[in-house]
N, C-alpha and C. Protein backbone atom coordinates (compact mmCIF):
# COMPACT_ATOMS: atom_id res chain seq x y z
N ASN A 1 0.70 -1.09 -0.15
CA ASN A 1 0.12 -0.07 -0.08
C ASN A 1 0.94 1.42 -0.14
N PRO A 2 1.03 2.16 -0.46
CA PRO A 2 1.70 3.11 -1.27
C PRO A 2 1.33 4.08 -0.17
N THR A 3 -0.01 4.17 0.42
CA THR A 3 -0.04 5.31 1.43
C THR A 3 0.97 4.99 2.88
N LEU A 4 1.10 4.12 2.88
CA LEU A 4 1.71 3.65 4.16
C LEU A 4 3.82 3.66 3.94
N SER A 5 3.73 3.81 2.35
CA SER A 5 5.16 3.91 2.25
C SER A 5 5.94 4.63 2.90
N PRO A 6 7.26 5.05 3.30
CA PRO A 6 8.01 5.40 4.48
C PRO A 6 8.15 6.64 3.29
N SER A 7 8.13 6.90 2.52
CA SER A 7 8.64 8.49 1.53
C SER A 7 7.33 8.94 1.90
N HIS A 8 5.94 8.25 2.00
CA HIS A 8 5.01 9.43 2.14
C HIS A 8 4.60 9.53 3.74
N LEU A 9 5.12 8.68 4.75
CA LEU A 9 4.95 9.03 6.17
C LEU A 9 5.85 10.17 6.06
N GLN A 10 6.92 10.56 5.64
CA GLN A 10 7.66 11.58 5.69
C GLN A 10 7.02 12.88 5.66
N ASP A 11 6.20 13.02 4.58
CA ASP A 11 5.42 14.14 4.15
C ASP A 11 4.22 14.65 5.26
N LEU A 12 3.58 13.16 5.99
CA LEU A 12 2.97 13.54 7.33
C LEU A 12 3.09 14.83 8.04
N PRO A 13 2.25 15.16 8.95
CA PRO A 13 2.56 16.08 9.87
C PRO A 13 3.26 15.16 11.27
N GLY A 14 4.22 15.79 11.67
CA GLY A 14 4.87 15.56 12.61
C GLY A 14 3.76 14.62 13.65
N PHE A 15 2.50 15.18 14.42
CA PHE A 15 1.69 14.18 15.09
C PHE A 15 1.21 12.56 14.73
N THR A 16 0.82 13.29 13.16
CA THR A 16 0.78 11.79 12.07
C THR A 16 1.76 10.62 12.76
N ARG A 17 2.98 11.17 12.41
CA ARG A 17 3.94 9.96 12.13
C ARG A 17 4.38 9.78 13.65
N SER A 18 4.25 10.24 14.43
CA SER A 18 4.16 9.96 16.25
C SER A 18 3.23 9.09 16.30
N VAL A 19 1.49 9.15 15.71
CA VAL A 19 0.96 7.54 16.26
C VAL A 19 1.17 6.57 15.15
N TYR A 20 2.10 6.95 14.41
CA TYR A 20 2.25 5.67 13.38
C TYR A 20 3.21 5.19 13.76
N LYS A 21 4.46 5.61 14.33
CA LYS A 21 5.64 5.17 15.02
C LYS A 21 5.25 4.31 16.26
N ARG A 22 4.61 4.56 17.09
CA ARG A 22 4.06 3.95 18.33
C ARG A 22 3.32 2.94 17.96
N ASP A 23 2.26 3.02 16.98
CA ASP A 23 1.94 1.53 16.50
C ASP A 23 2.74 0.82 15.68
N HIS A 24 3.52 1.34 14.97
CA HIS A 24 4.85 0.86 14.30
C HIS A 24 5.32 -0.30 15.34
N ALA A 25 5.79 0.28 16.53
CA ALA A 25 6.92 -0.42 17.23
C ALA A 25 6.10 -1.50 17.91
N LEU A 26 4.47 -1.78 17.83
CA LEU A 26 3.78 -2.55 18.84
C LEU A 26 3.31 -3.88 17.83
N ILE A 27 3.31 -3.24 16.20
CA ILE A 27 3.28 -3.94 15.29
C ILE A 27 4.35 -4.74 14.61
N THR A 28 5.23 -5.22 15.48
CA THR A 28 6.31 -5.64 14.95
C THR A 28 6.69 -6.80 13.91
N PRO A 29 5.48 -7.18 13.33
CA PRO A 29 5.61 -8.45 12.30
C PRO A 29 5.49 -7.81 11.19
N GLU A 30 4.93 -6.17 11.58
CA GLU A 30 5.16 -6.03 9.94
C GLU A 30 6.01 -4.50 9.71
N SER A 31 7.02 -4.32 10.87
CA SER A 31 8.30 -3.69 10.77
C SER A 31 9.12 -3.41 9.98
N HIS A 32 9.26 -5.26 9.11
CA HIS A 32 10.23 -5.36 8.51
C HIS A 32 9.69 -4.76 6.90
N VAL A 33 8.37 -4.54 6.60
CA VAL A 33 7.82 -4.38 5.79
C VAL A 33 7.75 -3.08 4.87
N PHE A 34 7.93 -1.95 5.99
CA PHE A 34 7.31 -1.03 5.94
C PHE A 34 9.48 0.03 6.37
N GLY A 35 9.92 -1.17 6.80
CA GLY A 35 11.36 -0.81 7.15
C GLY A 35 11.03 0.69 8.39
N PRO A 36 12.68 0.93 8.82
CA PRO A 36 12.45 1.99 9.79
C PRO A 36 12.25 3.64 9.67
N LEU A 37 11.94 4.29 10.50
CA LEU A 37 11.14 5.58 10.22
C LEU A 37 11.86 6.52 10.71
N PRO A 38 12.05 7.33 9.87
CA PRO A 38 13.19 8.82 10.57
C PRO A 38 12.68 9.27 11.39
N ASP A 39 13.55 9.92 12.42
CA ASP A 39 13.15 10.53 13.76
C ASP A 39 12.98 11.82 13.53
């Protein structure tokens, strides 16, 4: 899903990225799919 691609997330507001990164950390099985996100 291109909507969840790291390049797209980089363009989202910081709050949205924070929420996604929080969920991303919990959804570890999918972490390898999207790769690490920028801090």
